[in-house]
Amino acid sequence: MNFVNFGADTPEVKPTDSYFVSLDGSPPAGAQGGGRGNVARDSFEASEGPKRRRPHRRFNGRSLLLVCLLLALGGWFAWAAQQPGGVSGTINGWLDDVRGDVARVSTDPDLSAATKYHSEQYEATGAYPRMNETDLAAAGIGLGVSVEWCSSQAVVLRGTVGGGTASRLLVAGEEIGTEQGRYGCPRNYENPAPWKR
């Protein structure tokens, strides 16, 4: 039997300098770079690009404005809670004031003319006149205005305001106010609800 062993130690394998194996990934000192492995690694590193950093959230102007509005709203609620009637009483009082302002601004010119006429009559005579429709027409007060004579010291004038009715109270030469709706003579002139002194 003749055994033949083939391997690296056999005389048929001749050593050569053109082949090497690198385990750590860097070429030996005598080897030239630019092989296929290096090209693939370079292209992979180039395609990966710089590492992205997670953007930090900054406090922008809109967030600051929102925080300021929330603080102002919270402060207003704290203030309104200390007022008589609490938050709802404060809001209702504000709405009543707005309604009164709207009624004063948008009243019919005939209602303003009736107010002026009655104020002049009280200033001249010390009393409000009791008038019928003929007297109102003679005084230049339009048909859309009605006058409820409460006494020589008080009258309620009613006219149109923005599609509705407004009632204006005059007491002793003073215009107490205008309220939306149809109201008659108040029972108490010191506290003439729904008008406010």
N, C-alpha and C. Protein backbone atom coordinates (compact mmCIF):
# COMPACT_ATOMS: atom_id res chain seq x y z
N MET A 1 0.83 -1.16 0.00
CA MET A 1 0.00 0.00 0.00
C MET A 1 0.88 1.23 0.00
N ASN A 2 0.41 2.10 -0.80
CA ASN A 2 1.18 3.33 -0.95
C ASN A 2 0.28 4.49 -0.52
N PHE A 3 0.56 5.09 0.62
CA PHE A 3 -0.24 6.22 1.13
C PHE A 3 0.40 7.52 0.71
N VAL A 4 -0.44 8.37 0.15
CA VAL A 4 0.06 9.69 -0.24
C VAL A 4 -0.73 10.73 0.56
N ASN A 5 -0.03 11.58 1.23
CA ASN A 5 -0.68 12.66 2.01
C ASN A 5 -0.53 13.97 1.27
N PHE A 6 -1.66 14.59 0.99
CA PHE A 6 -1.64 15.93 0.36
C PHE A 6 -1.92 16.96 1.43
N GLY A 7 -1.23 18.01 1.41
CA GLY A 7 -1.45 19.05 2.42
C GLY A 7 -0.46 20.16 2.23
N ALA A 8 -0.47 21.04 3.16
CA ALA A 8 0.38 22.21 3.07
C ALA A 8 1.84 21.86 3.30
N ASP A 9 2.10 20.76 3.97
CA ASP A 9 3.48 20.41 4.29
C ASP A 9 4.10 19.52 3.23
N THR A 10 3.34 19.18 2.27
CA THR A 10 3.89 18.27 1.26
C THR A 10 4.77 19.05 0.32
N PRO A 11 5.70 18.37 -0.31
CA PRO A 11 6.64 19.08 -1.17
C PRO A 11 5.96 19.64 -2.42
N GLU A 12 4.73 19.15 -2.76
CA GLU A 12 4.09 19.66 -3.96
C GLU A 12 3.56 21.08 -3.77
N VAL A 13 3.28 21.53 -2.53
CA VAL A 13 2.76 22.87 -2.27
C VAL A 13 3.94 23.79 -2.11
N LYS A 14 3.97 24.79 -2.97
CA LYS A 14 5.10 25.72 -2.94
C LYS A 14 4.63 27.03 -2.32
N PRO A 15 5.41 27.57 -1.44
CA PRO A 15 5.02 28.84 -0.82
C PRO A 15 5.02 29.97 -1.84
N THR A 16 4.14 30.93 -1.70
CA THR A 16 4.05 32.08 -2.60
C THR A 16 3.77 33.33 -1.77
N ASP A 17 4.14 34.50 -2.30
CA ASP A 17 3.92 35.75 -1.58
C ASP A 17 2.65 36.47 -2.05
N SER A 18 1.92 35.92 -3.00
CA SER A 18 0.77 36.63 -3.56
C SER A 18 -0.55 36.34 -2.83
N TYR A 19 -0.53 35.55 -1.82
CA TYR A 19 -1.76 35.19 -1.14
C TYR A 19 -1.59 35.42 0.35
N PHE A 20 -2.57 36.10 0.96
CA PHE A 20 -2.50 36.31 2.40
C PHE A 20 -3.91 36.32 2.96
N VAL A 21 -4.02 36.08 4.23
CA VAL A 21 -5.30 36.11 4.94
C VAL A 21 -5.17 37.09 6.10
N SER A 22 -6.12 38.03 6.18
CA SER A 22 -6.09 39.01 7.26
C SER A 22 -7.31 38.80 8.14
N LEU A 23 -7.07 38.58 9.39
CA LEU A 23 -8.19 38.33 10.31
C LEU A 23 -8.69 39.60 10.99
N ASP A 24 -7.83 40.61 11.04
CA ASP A 24 -8.27 41.82 11.74
C ASP A 24 -8.83 42.88 10.81
N GLY A 25 -8.92 42.65 9.55
CA GLY A 25 -9.53 43.58 8.61
C GLY A 25 -8.57 44.58 8.02
N SER A 26 -7.37 44.73 8.55
CA SER A 26 -6.42 45.67 7.96
C SER A 26 -5.39 44.90 7.17
N PRO A 27 -5.01 45.37 6.00
CA PRO A 27 -4.06 44.63 5.17
C PRO A 27 -2.67 44.64 5.79
N PRO A 28 -1.87 43.60 5.53
CA PRO A 28 -0.51 43.59 6.05
C PRO A 28 0.32 44.70 5.42
N ALA A 29 1.43 44.95 5.99
CA ALA A 29 2.26 46.09 5.59
C ALA A 29 2.64 46.04 4.12
N GLY A 30 2.89 44.89 3.55
CA GLY A 30 3.36 44.79 2.17
C GLY A 30 2.24 44.70 1.16
N ALA A 31 0.99 44.53 1.57
CA ALA A 31 -0.11 44.33 0.61
C ALA A 31 -0.61 45.68 0.11
N GLN A 32 -1.11 45.68 -1.13
CA GLN A 32 -1.65 46.89 -1.73
C GLN A 32 -3.16 46.94 -1.49
N GLY A 33 -3.67 48.16 -1.25
CA GLY A 33 -5.11 48.33 -1.03
C GLY A 33 -5.83 48.36 -2.36
N GLY A 34 -7.11 48.58 -2.33
CA GLY A 34 -7.90 48.71 -3.54
C GLY A 34 -8.55 47.44 -3.99
N GLY A 35 -8.56 46.37 -3.18
CA GLY A 35 -9.23 45.13 -3.57
C GLY A 35 -10.73 45.29 -3.49
N ARG A 36 -11.41 44.23 -3.90
CA ARG A 36 -12.87 44.28 -3.92
C ARG A 36 -13.47 44.46 -2.53
N GLY A 37 -12.85 43.89 -1.54
CA GLY A 37 -13.36 44.03 -0.17
C GLY A 37 -13.30 45.47 0.29
N ASN A 38 -12.21 46.16 -0.06
CA ASN A 38 -12.09 47.56 0.34
C ASN A 38 -13.11 48.43 -0.37
N VAL A 39 -13.36 48.18 -1.65
CA VAL A 39 -14.32 48.97 -2.42
C VAL A 39 -15.72 48.83 -1.83
N ALA A 40 -16.11 47.61 -1.48
CA ALA A 40 -17.44 47.37 -0.92
C ALA A 40 -17.57 48.06 0.43
N ARG A 41 -16.54 47.98 1.27
CA ARG A 41 -16.60 48.60 2.58
C ARG A 41 -16.67 50.13 2.45
N ASP A 42 -15.90 50.71 1.53
CA ASP A 42 -15.92 52.16 1.34
C ASP A 42 -17.28 52.65 0.86
N SER A 43 -17.90 51.91 -0.08
CA SER A 43 -19.20 52.34 -0.59
C SER A 43 -20.28 52.21 0.49
N PHE A 44 -20.18 51.21 1.35
CA PHE A 44 -21.15 51.05 2.44
C PHE A 44 -21.03 52.18 3.44
N GLU A 45 -19.82 52.54 3.80
CA GLU A 45 -19.62 53.62 4.76
C GLU A 45 -20.09 54.95 4.18
N ALA A 46 -19.91 55.15 2.86
CA ALA A 46 -20.33 56.40 2.25
C ALA A 46 -21.85 56.49 2.19
N SER A 47 -22.54 55.36 1.95
CA SER A 47 -23.99 55.41 1.83
C SER A 47 -24.67 55.57 3.19
N GLU A 48 -24.00 55.18 4.25
CA GLU A 48 -24.60 55.28 5.57
C GLU A 48 -24.78 56.73 5.99
N GLY A 49 -23.90 57.60 5.58
CA GLY A 49 -24.03 59.02 5.87
C GLY A 49 -23.76 59.30 7.34
N PRO A 50 -23.85 60.59 7.72
CA PRO A 50 -23.60 60.94 9.11
C PRO A 50 -24.75 60.45 9.99
N LYS A 51 -24.43 60.13 11.20
CA LYS A 51 -25.45 59.64 12.13
C LYS A 51 -26.39 60.77 12.48
N ARG A 52 -27.69 60.47 12.47
CA ARG A 52 -28.69 61.48 12.78
C ARG A 52 -28.82 61.63 14.28
N ARG A 53 -28.95 62.88 14.68
CA ARG A 53 -29.19 63.16 16.09
C ARG A 53 -30.67 63.50 16.25
N ARG A 54 -31.23 63.09 17.31
CA ARG A 54 -32.63 63.36 17.57
C ARG A 54 -32.80 64.86 17.83
N PRO A 55 -33.71 65.52 17.11
CA PRO A 55 -33.84 66.97 17.30
C PRO A 55 -34.38 67.29 18.69
N HIS A 56 -33.84 68.35 19.27
CA HIS A 56 -34.32 68.80 20.58
C HIS A 56 -35.53 69.68 20.37
N ARG A 57 -36.56 69.50 21.18
CA ARG A 57 -37.75 70.33 21.08
C ARG A 57 -37.47 71.65 21.75
N ARG A 58 -37.69 72.72 21.00
CA ARG A 58 -37.45 74.05 21.55
C ARG A 58 -38.76 74.69 21.91
N PHE A 59 -38.71 75.63 22.83
CA PHE A 59 -39.88 76.36 23.29
C PHE A 59 -40.11 77.50 22.31
N ASN A 60 -41.08 77.36 21.40
CA ASN A 60 -41.29 78.40 20.40
C ASN A 60 -42.30 79.43 20.89
N GLY A 61 -42.53 80.46 20.08
CA GLY A 61 -43.40 81.57 20.46
C GLY A 61 -44.85 81.16 20.66
N ARG A 62 -45.32 80.21 19.85
CA ARG A 62 -46.71 79.76 19.96
C ARG A 62 -46.96 79.08 21.30
N SER A 63 -46.00 78.26 21.75
CA SER A 63 -46.15 77.60 23.04
C SER A 63 -46.13 78.61 24.17
N LEU A 64 -45.28 79.62 24.06
CA LEU A 64 -45.21 80.65 25.09
C LEU A 64 -46.52 81.44 25.16
N LEU A 65 -47.09 81.75 24.01
CA LEU A 65 -48.36 82.47 23.97
C LEU A 65 -49.48 81.63 24.60
N LEU A 66 -49.50 80.34 24.31
CA LEU A 66 -50.51 79.46 24.86
C LEU A 66 -50.40 79.39 26.39
N VAL A 67 -49.18 79.30 26.90
CA VAL A 67 -48.97 79.25 28.35
C VAL A 67 -49.44 80.56 28.98
N CYS A 68 -49.12 81.70 28.35
CA CYS A 68 -49.56 83.00 28.88
C CYS A 68 -51.08 83.11 28.90
N LEU A 69 -51.73 82.64 27.84
CA LEU A 69 -53.19 82.69 27.79
C LEU A 69 -53.82 81.82 28.87
N LEU A 70 -53.26 80.64 29.08
CA LEU A 70 -53.78 79.75 30.12
C LEU A 70 -53.61 80.36 31.50
N LEU A 71 -52.46 80.99 31.75
CA LEU A 71 -52.24 81.65 33.04
C LEU A 71 -53.21 82.82 33.24
N ALA A 72 -53.43 83.61 32.18
CA ALA A 72 -54.36 84.73 32.28
C ALA A 72 -55.78 84.24 32.54
N LEU A 73 -56.18 83.18 31.84
CA LEU A 73 -57.52 82.63 32.03
C LEU A 73 -57.69 82.08 33.44
N GLY A 74 -56.68 81.38 33.92
CA GLY A 74 -56.73 80.87 35.29
C GLY A 74 -56.80 81.99 36.32
N GLY A 75 -56.04 83.07 36.09
CA GLY A 75 -56.09 84.22 36.99
C GLY A 75 -57.45 84.89 36.99
N TRP A 76 -58.06 85.00 35.78
CA TRP A 76 -59.39 85.61 35.71
C TRP A 76 -60.41 84.77 36.45
N PHE A 77 -60.36 83.44 36.29
CA PHE A 77 -61.30 82.56 36.99
C PHE A 77 -61.11 82.67 38.50
N ALA A 78 -59.86 82.77 38.96
CA ALA A 78 -59.61 82.92 40.39
C ALA A 78 -60.19 84.24 40.90
N TRP A 79 -60.03 85.33 40.11
CA TRP A 79 -60.59 86.62 40.50
C TRP A 79 -62.11 86.59 40.49
N ALA A 80 -62.70 86.01 39.42
CA ALA A 80 -64.16 85.98 39.29
C ALA A 80 -64.82 85.15 40.38
N ALA A 81 -64.11 84.12 40.85
CA ALA A 81 -64.67 83.27 41.91
C ALA A 81 -64.81 84.05 43.22
N GLN A 82 -64.02 85.11 43.41
CA GLN A 82 -64.08 85.91 44.63
C GLN A 82 -65.14 87.01 44.56
N GLN A 83 -65.71 87.27 43.37
CA GLN A 83 -66.70 88.32 43.19
C GLN A 83 -68.08 87.85 43.66
N PRO A 84 -68.98 88.78 43.98
CA PRO A 84 -70.33 88.38 44.37
C PRO A 84 -71.01 87.62 43.23
N GLY A 85 -71.56 86.48 43.53
CA GLY A 85 -72.20 85.65 42.51
C GLY A 85 -71.25 84.67 41.85
N GLY A 86 -69.97 84.74 42.17
CA GLY A 86 -68.99 83.80 41.61
C GLY A 86 -68.74 84.05 40.13
N VAL A 87 -68.25 83.01 39.47
CA VAL A 87 -67.90 83.11 38.05
C VAL A 87 -69.14 83.36 37.20
N SER A 88 -70.22 82.63 37.48
CA SER A 88 -71.43 82.80 36.66
C SER A 88 -72.04 84.19 36.85
N GLY A 89 -72.02 84.71 38.09
CA GLY A 89 -72.54 86.05 38.33
C GLY A 89 -71.74 87.11 37.60
N THR A 90 -70.41 86.93 37.56
CA THR A 90 -69.55 87.89 36.85
C THR A 90 -69.84 87.86 35.35
N ILE A 91 -69.98 86.66 34.79
CA ILE A 91 -70.26 86.53 33.35
C ILE A 91 -71.63 87.10 33.03
N ASN A 92 -72.65 86.80 33.86
CA ASN A 92 -74.00 87.33 33.60
C ASN A 92 -74.03 88.85 33.71
N GLY A 93 -73.31 89.41 34.67
CA GLY A 93 -73.24 90.87 34.79
C GLY A 93 -72.61 91.50 33.57
N TRP A 94 -71.55 90.86 33.06
CA TRP A 94 -70.90 91.37 31.86
C TRP A 94 -71.85 91.30 30.66
N LEU A 95 -72.59 90.19 30.53
CA LEU A 95 -73.55 90.06 29.43
C LEU A 95 -74.65 91.11 29.53
N ASP A 96 -75.12 91.40 30.75
CA ASP A 96 -76.15 92.44 30.92
C ASP A 96 -75.63 93.80 30.50
N ASP A 97 -74.37 94.09 30.85
CA ASP A 97 -73.78 95.37 30.45
C ASP A 97 -73.67 95.48 28.93
N VAL A 98 -73.26 94.36 28.29
CA VAL A 98 -73.13 94.37 26.83
C VAL A 98 -74.49 94.56 26.18
N ARG A 99 -75.52 93.89 26.70
CA ARG A 99 -76.87 94.06 26.15
C ARG A 99 -77.34 95.51 26.28
N GLY A 100 -77.07 96.12 27.42
CA GLY A 100 -77.47 97.51 27.62
C GLY A 100 -76.74 98.43 26.66
N ASP A 101 -75.42 98.18 26.45
CA ASP A 101 -74.65 99.00 25.51
C ASP A 101 -75.18 98.85 24.09
N VAL A 102 -75.49 97.60 23.70
CA VAL A 102 -76.04 97.36 22.36
C VAL A 102 -77.37 98.07 22.21
N ALA A 103 -78.20 98.02 23.24
CA ALA A 103 -79.51 98.68 23.18
C ALA A 103 -79.35 100.19 23.05
N ARG A 104 -78.38 100.77 23.75
CA ARG A 104 -78.18 102.22 23.68
C ARG A 104 -77.65 102.64 22.31
N VAL A 105 -76.75 101.81 21.73
CA VAL A 105 -76.14 102.18 20.46
C VAL A 105 -77.11 102.00 19.30
N SER A 106 -77.87 100.91 19.33
CA SER A 106 -78.68 100.57 18.16
C SER A 106 -80.14 100.96 18.28
N THR A 107 -80.47 101.90 19.16
CA THR A 107 -81.87 102.27 19.31
C THR A 107 -82.37 103.04 18.11
N ASP A 108 -83.68 102.96 17.95
CA ASP A 108 -84.36 103.67 16.87
C ASP A 108 -84.23 105.18 17.12
N PRO A 109 -83.99 105.96 16.06
CA PRO A 109 -83.90 107.41 16.25
C PRO A 109 -85.15 108.01 16.88
N ASP A 110 -86.32 107.41 16.63
CA ASP A 110 -87.56 107.92 17.23
C ASP A 110 -87.54 107.78 18.75
N LEU A 111 -86.93 106.71 19.25
CA LEU A 111 -86.83 106.53 20.70
C LEU A 111 -85.91 107.61 21.29
N SER A 112 -84.84 107.94 20.57
CA SER A 112 -83.95 109.01 21.03
C SER A 112 -84.67 110.35 21.00
N ALA A 113 -85.48 110.57 19.98
CA ALA A 113 -86.24 111.82 19.90
C ALA A 113 -87.25 111.91 21.04
N ALA A 114 -87.90 110.79 21.39
CA ALA A 114 -88.86 110.78 22.50
C ALA A 114 -88.16 111.05 23.82
N THR A 115 -86.95 110.49 23.98
CA THR A 115 -86.18 110.72 25.20
C THR A 115 -85.83 112.20 25.33
N LYS A 116 -85.36 112.78 24.24
CA LYS A 116 -84.98 114.19 24.26
C LYS A 116 -86.19 115.08 24.58
N TYR A 117 -87.32 114.79 23.94
CA TYR A 117 -88.54 115.60 24.16
C TYR A 117 -88.97 115.54 25.63
N HIS A 118 -89.03 114.32 26.21
CA HIS A 118 -89.49 114.18 27.59
C HIS A 118 -88.50 114.81 28.58
N SER A 119 -87.21 114.71 28.28
CA SER A 119 -86.22 115.34 29.16
C SER A 119 -86.36 116.86 29.14
N GLU A 120 -86.61 117.42 27.96
CA GLU A 120 -86.79 118.88 27.85
C GLU A 120 -88.07 119.33 28.58
N GLN A 121 -89.14 118.52 28.46
CA GLN A 121 -90.39 118.87 29.15
C GLN A 121 -90.23 118.82 30.67
N TYR A 122 -89.48 117.83 31.16
CA TYR A 122 -89.26 117.74 32.61
C TYR A 122 -88.41 118.91 33.09
N GLU A 123 -87.42 119.27 32.30
CA GLU A 123 -86.55 120.38 32.69
C GLU A 123 -87.34 121.70 32.71
N ALA A 124 -88.29 121.85 31.81
CA ALA A 124 -89.06 123.09 31.73
C ALA A 124 -90.16 123.17 32.78
N THR A 125 -90.83 122.04 33.05
CA THR A 125 -92.02 122.07 33.93
C THR A 125 -91.83 121.33 35.25
N GLY A 126 -90.79 120.47 35.35
CA GLY A 126 -90.60 119.69 36.57
C GLY A 126 -91.46 118.45 36.62
N ALA A 127 -92.10 118.08 35.47
CA ALA A 127 -92.96 116.88 35.41
C ALA A 127 -92.97 116.36 33.98
N TYR A 128 -93.20 115.05 33.88
CA TYR A 128 -93.34 114.45 32.55
C TYR A 128 -94.79 114.61 32.09
N PRO A 129 -95.01 114.98 30.81
CA PRO A 129 -96.40 115.16 30.35
C PRO A 129 -97.07 113.83 30.05
N ARG A 130 -98.36 113.79 30.25
CA ARG A 130 -99.14 112.61 29.87
C ARG A 130 -99.63 112.88 28.45
N MET A 131 -99.22 111.96 27.49
CA MET A 131 -99.47 112.22 26.07
C MET A 131 -100.23 111.07 25.43
N ASN A 132 -101.10 111.39 24.49
CA ASN A 132 -101.76 110.37 23.67
C ASN A 132 -101.06 110.32 22.31
N GLU A 133 -101.59 109.52 21.39
CA GLU A 133 -100.94 109.35 20.08
C GLU A 133 -100.92 110.66 19.28
N THR A 134 -101.96 111.44 19.38
CA THR A 134 -102.00 112.71 18.67
C THR A 134 -100.92 113.66 19.19
N ASP A 135 -100.75 113.68 20.52
CA ASP A 135 -99.72 114.53 21.13
C ASP A 135 -98.32 114.06 20.72
N LEU A 136 -98.13 112.74 20.65
CA LEU A 136 -96.83 112.20 20.25
C LEU A 136 -96.51 112.58 18.81
N ALA A 137 -97.51 112.46 17.94
CA ALA A 137 -97.31 112.81 16.53
C ALA A 137 -97.02 114.30 16.39
N ALA A 138 -97.71 115.14 17.17
CA ALA A 138 -97.48 116.59 17.12
C ALA A 138 -96.08 116.95 17.63
N ALA A 139 -95.54 116.14 18.55
CA ALA A 139 -94.20 116.40 19.09
C ALA A 139 -93.11 115.85 18.18
N GLY A 140 -93.49 115.16 17.09
CA GLY A 140 -92.51 114.61 16.16
C GLY A 140 -91.97 113.25 16.56
N ILE A 141 -92.70 112.58 17.43
CA ILE A 141 -92.29 111.24 17.89
C ILE A 141 -93.00 110.23 17.00
N GLY A 142 -92.23 109.31 16.39
CA GLY A 142 -92.77 108.38 15.42
C GLY A 142 -93.74 107.38 15.99
N LEU A 143 -94.41 106.65 15.06
CA LEU A 143 -95.40 105.66 15.46
C LEU A 143 -94.79 104.44 16.14
N GLY A 144 -93.50 104.20 15.94
CA GLY A 144 -92.87 103.02 16.52
C GLY A 144 -92.55 103.16 18.00
N VAL A 145 -92.86 104.32 18.59
CA VAL A 145 -92.55 104.57 20.00
C VAL A 145 -93.85 104.64 20.79
N SER A 146 -93.87 103.95 21.93
CA SER A 146 -95.00 104.07 22.85
C SER A 146 -94.49 104.60 24.19
N VAL A 147 -95.33 105.36 24.85
CA VAL A 147 -94.95 105.98 26.12
C VAL A 147 -95.91 105.49 27.20
N GLU A 148 -95.34 104.92 28.26
CA GLU A 148 -96.15 104.52 29.42
C GLU A 148 -95.87 105.52 30.53
N TRP A 149 -96.91 106.30 30.87
CA TRP A 149 -96.76 107.33 31.90
C TRP A 149 -96.96 106.68 33.26
N CYS A 150 -95.93 106.66 34.08
CA CYS A 150 -96.01 106.04 35.41
C CYS A 150 -96.49 107.07 36.43
N SER A 151 -95.92 108.25 36.37
CA SER A 151 -96.32 109.37 37.23
C SER A 151 -95.71 110.63 36.63
N SER A 152 -95.91 111.74 37.27
CA SER A 152 -95.29 112.97 36.77
C SER A 152 -93.77 112.93 36.90
N GLN A 153 -93.27 111.96 37.67
CA GLN A 153 -91.83 111.85 37.90
C GLN A 153 -91.18 110.67 37.18
N ALA A 154 -91.95 109.84 36.45
CA ALA A 154 -91.37 108.66 35.78
C ALA A 154 -92.19 108.27 34.56
N VAL A 155 -91.48 107.91 33.49
CA VAL A 155 -92.11 107.38 32.27
C VAL A 155 -91.23 106.25 31.72
N VAL A 156 -91.89 105.32 31.02
CA VAL A 156 -91.18 104.26 30.31
C VAL A 156 -91.44 104.45 28.83
N LEU A 157 -90.37 104.60 28.06
CA LEU A 157 -90.46 104.75 26.61
C LEU A 157 -90.10 103.41 25.97
N ARG A 158 -90.89 102.97 25.00
CA ARG A 158 -90.61 101.70 24.33
C ARG A 158 -90.46 101.96 22.83
N GLY A 159 -89.42 101.33 22.24
CA GLY A 159 -89.19 101.46 20.81
C GLY A 159 -88.46 100.23 20.29
N THR A 160 -88.18 100.23 19.00
CA THR A 160 -87.51 99.07 18.38
C THR A 160 -85.99 99.20 18.49
N VAL A 161 -85.37 98.07 18.74
CA VAL A 161 -83.92 98.00 18.82
C VAL A 161 -83.47 96.75 18.10
N GLY A 162 -82.83 96.90 16.95
CA GLY A 162 -82.27 95.76 16.23
C GLY A 162 -83.26 94.64 16.00
N GLY A 163 -84.49 94.93 15.66
CA GLY A 163 -85.48 93.89 15.39
C GLY A 163 -86.27 93.48 16.61
N GLY A 164 -85.92 94.00 17.80
CA GLY A 164 -86.65 93.67 19.03
C GLY A 164 -87.19 94.94 19.66
N THR A 165 -87.67 94.81 20.89
CA THR A 165 -88.21 95.95 21.63
C THR A 165 -87.28 96.31 22.77
N ALA A 166 -87.13 97.61 23.00
CA ALA A 166 -86.32 98.09 24.12
C ALA A 166 -87.18 99.00 24.97
N SER A 167 -86.95 98.96 26.29
CA SER A 167 -87.69 99.81 27.22
C SER A 167 -86.71 100.73 27.93
N ARG A 168 -86.99 102.03 27.86
CA ARG A 168 -86.10 103.03 28.47
C ARG A 168 -86.85 103.71 29.61
N LEU A 169 -86.21 103.77 30.77
CA LEU A 169 -86.83 104.37 31.95
C LEU A 169 -86.24 105.75 32.20
N LEU A 170 -87.14 106.74 32.37
CA LEU A 170 -86.74 108.09 32.76
C LEU A 170 -87.37 108.39 34.12
N VAL A 171 -86.54 108.82 35.07
CA VAL A 171 -87.02 109.15 36.41
C VAL A 171 -86.45 110.50 36.81
N ALA A 172 -87.34 111.42 37.09
CA ALA A 172 -86.97 112.75 37.60
C ALA A 172 -85.90 113.42 36.75
N GLY A 173 -86.06 113.38 35.45
CA GLY A 173 -85.13 114.03 34.55
C GLY A 173 -83.86 113.24 34.26
N GLU A 174 -83.77 112.06 34.79
CA GLU A 174 -82.57 111.22 34.61
C GLU A 174 -82.92 109.99 33.78
N GLU A 175 -82.06 109.67 32.82
CA GLU A 175 -82.25 108.45 32.03
C GLU A 175 -81.59 107.31 32.80
N ILE A 176 -82.40 106.41 33.34
CA ILE A 176 -81.88 105.32 34.17
C ILE A 176 -81.19 104.27 33.31
N GLY A 177 -81.77 103.93 32.18
CA GLY A 177 -81.16 102.94 31.31
C GLY A 177 -82.14 102.38 30.31
N THR A 178 -81.62 101.54 29.43
CA THR A 178 -82.43 100.89 28.39
C THR A 178 -82.21 99.40 28.51
N GLU A 179 -83.30 98.66 28.57
CA GLU A 179 -83.24 97.20 28.66
C GLU A 179 -83.96 96.60 27.46
N GLN A 180 -83.39 95.51 26.95
CA GLN A 180 -84.06 94.81 25.85
C GLN A 180 -85.27 94.09 26.40
N GLY A 181 -86.38 94.22 25.70
CA GLY A 181 -87.62 93.59 26.12
C GLY A 181 -88.68 94.63 26.40
N ARG A 182 -89.88 94.15 26.67
CA ARG A 182 -91.02 95.04 26.92
C ARG A 182 -91.30 95.06 28.41
N TYR A 183 -90.97 96.18 29.05
CA TYR A 183 -91.16 96.31 30.49
C TYR A 183 -92.05 97.50 30.79
N GLY A 184 -92.80 97.39 31.88
CA GLY A 184 -93.67 98.47 32.33
C GLY A 184 -93.02 99.26 33.45
N CYS A 185 -93.86 100.03 34.14
CA CYS A 185 -93.36 100.87 35.23
C CYS A 185 -92.84 100.00 36.38
N PRO A 186 -91.68 100.31 36.94
CA PRO A 186 -91.18 99.53 38.06
C PRO A 186 -91.95 99.86 39.34
N ARG A 187 -91.95 98.94 40.29
CA ARG A 187 -92.63 99.16 41.56
C ARG A 187 -91.79 100.01 42.49
N ASN A 188 -90.49 99.84 42.43
CA ASN A 188 -89.59 100.55 43.34
C ASN A 188 -88.63 101.37 42.50
N TYR A 189 -88.63 102.67 42.67
CA TYR A 189 -87.77 103.53 41.86
C TYR A 189 -86.35 103.64 42.43
N GLU A 190 -86.16 103.21 43.66
CA GLU A 190 -84.81 103.17 44.22
C GLU A 190 -84.04 101.99 43.63
N ASN A 191 -84.74 100.89 43.40
CA ASN A 191 -84.15 99.70 42.78
C ASN A 191 -85.08 99.27 41.66
N PRO A 192 -85.05 99.97 40.52
CA PRO A 192 -86.07 99.75 39.48
C PRO A 192 -85.75 98.58 38.56
N ALA A 193 -85.82 97.37 39.10
CA ALA A 193 -85.50 96.19 38.27
C ALA A 193 -86.48 96.12 37.09
N PRO A 194 -86.03 95.71 35.92
CA PRO A 194 -84.71 95.19 35.56
C PRO A 194 -83.65 96.26 35.30
N TRP A 195 -84.01 97.54 35.39
CA TRP A 195 -83.01 98.59 35.21
C TRP A 195 -82.14 98.67 36.45
N LYS A 196 -80.96 99.15 36.27
CA LYS A 196 -80.02 99.28 37.40
C LYS A 196 -79.58 100.73 37.53
N ARG A 197 -79.64 101.22 38.74
CA ARG A 197 -79.17 102.59 39.00
C ARG A 197 -77.68 102.61 39.22
